[in-house]
Amino acid sequence: MPLIRRIPKRGFNNAAFATRYLPVNLADLNDFDEGSVVDAAALRAAGIAKGVGIGVKILGHGVLQRRLTVKAAAFSASAKAAIEALGGSAELV
């Protein structure tokens, strides 16, 4: 067997540098009142965003029924369009 196949493989692994967001669906945002400001602290206090991550990413799964001002680290394209379609605003933090 060649020497290169016998030695252990070491090197760079990008998993330690990956950006991890806490996912939150649009349907979960319906728990907040009309016109309120929703940020990462409010989502954690409501028990919607749980776990360890750099920030919160809003995903477009579900139907949003309230006009909200959402402040998050990232948005999917469909989530941003759905928030702005109801007259709310999606602000990047």
C-alpha atoms as a PDB file:
ATOM      1  CA  MET A   1       0.000   0.000   0.000  1.00  0.00           C
ATOM      2  CA  PRO A   2       1.376   3.458  -0.829  1.00  0.00           C
ATOM      3  CA  LEU A   3       2.723   5.605   1.968  1.00  0.00           C
ATOM      4  CA  ILE A   4       0.153   8.392   1.424  1.00  0.00           C
ATOM      5  CA  ARG A   5      -2.679   5.987   2.218  1.00  0.00           C
ATOM      6  CA  ARG A   6      -1.012   4.707   5.396  1.00  0.00           C
ATOM      7  CA  ILE A   7      -0.453   7.998   7.198  1.00  0.00           C
ATOM      8  CA  PRO A   8      -3.279   9.668   9.128  1.00  0.00           C
ATOM      9  CA  LYS A   9      -4.938  12.575   7.402  1.00  0.00           C
ATOM     10  CA  ARG A  10      -4.766  15.971   9.061  1.00  0.00           C
ATOM     11  CA  GLY A  11      -5.528  19.410   7.810  1.00  0.00           C
ATOM     12  CA  PHE A  12      -8.002  22.219   7.574  1.00  0.00           C
ATOM     13  CA  ASN A  13     -11.626  21.640   8.513  1.00  0.00           C
ATOM     14  CA  ASN A  14     -14.094  24.458   7.919  1.00  0.00           C
ATOM     15  CA  ALA A  15     -16.667  23.159  10.436  1.00  0.00           C
ATOM     16  CA  ALA A  16     -15.167  25.231  13.244  1.00  0.00           C
ATOM     17  CA  PHE A  17     -15.678  28.437  11.239  1.00  0.00           C
ATOM     18  CA  ALA A  18     -19.217  27.783   9.983  1.00  0.00           C
ATOM     19  CA  THR A  19     -21.894  30.403  10.637  1.00  0.00           C
ATOM     20  CA  ARG A  20     -24.707  28.872  12.667  1.00  0.00           C
ATOM     21  CA  TYR A  21     -28.037  30.688  12.933  1.00  0.00           C
ATOM     22  CA  LEU A  22     -31.051  29.789  15.037  1.00  0.00           C
ATOM     23  CA  PRO A  23     -33.911  29.108  12.606  1.00  0.00           C
ATOM     24  CA  VAL A  24     -37.302  30.740  13.218  1.00  0.00           C
ATOM     25  CA  ASN A  25     -40.282  30.233  10.913  1.00  0.00           C
ATOM     26  CA  LEU A  26     -42.739  32.947   9.900  1.00  0.00           C
ATOM     27  CA  ALA A  27     -45.623  31.103  11.530  1.00  0.00           C
ATOM     28  CA  ASP A  28     -43.872  31.405  14.916  1.00  0.00           C
ATOM     29  CA  LEU A  29     -43.908  35.214  14.648  1.00  0.00           C
ATOM     30  CA  ASN A  30     -47.710  35.272  14.891  1.00  0.00           C
ATOM     31  CA  ASP A  31     -47.355  35.008  18.689  1.00  0.00           C
ATOM     32  CA  PHE A  32     -46.358  38.693  18.862  1.00  0.00           C
ATOM     33  CA  ASP A  33     -48.769  41.627  18.862  1.00  0.00           C
ATOM     34  CA  GLU A  34     -49.532  43.709  15.770  1.00  0.00           C
ATOM     35  CA  GLY A  35     -46.908  46.401  15.145  1.00  0.00           C
ATOM     36  CA  SER A  36     -44.414  45.176  17.718  1.00  0.00           C
ATOM     37  CA  VAL A  37     -40.644  45.021  17.252  1.00  0.00           C
ATOM     38  CA  VAL A  38     -39.321  41.464  17.168  1.00  0.00           C
ATOM     39  CA  ASP A  39     -35.603  40.924  17.753  1.00  0.00           C
ATOM     40  CA  ALA A  40     -33.384  38.108  19.001  1.00  0.00           C
ATOM     41  CA  ALA A  41     -33.954  38.999  22.663  1.00  0.00           C
ATOM     42  CA  ALA A  42     -37.740  38.939  22.244  1.00  0.00           C
ATOM     43  CA  LEU A  43     -37.594  35.601  20.427  1.00  0.00           C
ATOM     44  CA  ARG A  44     -35.461  34.074  23.174  1.00  0.00           C
ATOM     45  CA  ALA A  45     -37.742  35.459  25.893  1.00  0.00           C
ATOM     46  CA  ALA A  46     -40.774  33.939  24.156  1.00  0.00           C
ATOM     47  CA  GLY A  47     -38.992  30.562  23.933  1.00  0.00           C
ATOM     48  CA  ILE A  48     -39.053  30.497  20.126  1.00  0.00           C
ATOM     49  CA  ALA A  49     -35.290  30.756  19.490  1.00  0.00           C
ATOM     50  CA  LYS A  50     -33.527  28.131  21.556  1.00  0.00           C
ATOM     51  CA  GLY A  51     -29.958  26.953  21.447  1.00  0.00           C
ATOM     52  CA  VAL A  52     -26.558  28.385  20.607  1.00  0.00           C
ATOM     53  CA  GLY A  53     -25.957  30.429  17.497  1.00  0.00           C
ATOM     54  CA  ILE A  54     -24.553  33.701  16.224  1.00  0.00           C
ATOM     55  CA  GLY A  55     -27.979  35.140  15.536  1.00  0.00           C
ATOM     56  CA  VAL A  56     -31.477  34.389  14.344  1.00  0.00           C
ATOM     57  CA  LYS A  57     -32.435  33.591  10.753  1.00  0.00           C
ATOM     58  CA  ILE A  58     -36.058  34.076   9.744  1.00  0.00           C
ATOM     59  CA  LEU A  59     -37.270  31.378   7.350  1.00  0.00           C
ATOM     60  CA  GLY A  60     -40.299  31.580   5.068  1.00  0.00           C
ATOM     61  CA  HIS A  61     -42.185  28.508   6.301  1.00  0.00           C
ATOM     62  CA  GLY A  62     -45.763  29.287   7.287  1.00  0.00           C
ATOM     63  CA  VAL A  63     -48.019  32.307   6.886  1.00  0.00           C
ATOM     64  CA  LEU A  64     -47.472  35.592   8.689  1.00  0.00           C
ATOM     65  CA  GLN A  65     -50.703  37.330   9.685  1.00  0.00           C
ATOM     66  CA  ARG A  66     -49.444  40.429  11.524  1.00  0.00           C
ATOM     67  CA  ARG A  67     -47.521  43.548  10.524  1.00  0.00           C
ATOM     68  CA  LEU A  68     -44.227  43.405  12.453  1.00  0.00           C
ATOM     69  CA  THR A  69     -40.823  45.043  12.517  1.00  0.00           C
ATOM     70  CA  VAL A  70     -38.412  42.124  12.538  1.00  0.00           C
ATOM     71  CA  LYS A  71     -34.717  42.590  13.357  1.00  0.00           C
ATOM     72  CA  ALA A  72     -32.581  39.515  12.688  1.00  0.00           C
ATOM     73  CA  ALA A  73     -29.121  38.483  11.538  1.00  0.00           C
ATOM     74  CA  ALA A  74     -30.416  36.884   8.318  1.00  0.00           C
ATOM     75  CA  PHE A  75     -33.606  36.438   6.304  1.00  0.00           C
ATOM     76  CA  SER A  76     -34.579  34.044   3.561  1.00  0.00           C
ATOM     77  CA  ALA A  77     -35.842  35.741   0.410  1.00  0.00           C
ATOM     78  CA  SER A  78     -39.383  34.426   0.843  1.00  0.00           C
ATOM     79  CA  ALA A  79     -39.517  35.513   4.502  1.00  0.00           C
ATOM     80  CA  LYS A  80     -38.380  39.037   3.691  1.00  0.00           C
ATOM     81  CA  ALA A  81     -40.938  39.298   0.883  1.00  0.00           C
ATOM     82  CA  ALA A  82     -43.750  38.033   3.141  1.00  0.00           C
ATOM     83  CA  ILE A  83     -42.915  40.482   5.939  1.00  0.00           C
ATOM     84  CA  GLU A  84     -42.773  43.442   3.581  1.00  0.00           C
ATOM     85  CA  ALA A  85     -45.950  42.385   1.759  1.00  0.00           C
ATOM     86  CA  LEU A  86     -47.938  42.960   4.971  1.00  0.00           C
ATOM     87  CA  GLY A  87     -46.414  46.409   5.472  1.00  0.00           C
ATOM     88  CA  GLY A  88     -43.822  45.357   8.044  1.00  0.00           C
ATOM     89  CA  SER A  89     -40.083  45.807   7.813  1.00  0.00           C
ATOM     90  CA  ALA A  90     -37.211  43.313   7.835  1.00  0.00           C
ATOM     91  CA  GLU A  91     -34.034  44.868   9.224  1.00  0.00           C
ATOM     92  CA  LEU A  92     -30.622  43.194   9.251  1.00  0.00           C
ATOM     93  CA  VAL A  93     -28.724  43.485  12.529  1.00  0.00           C
END
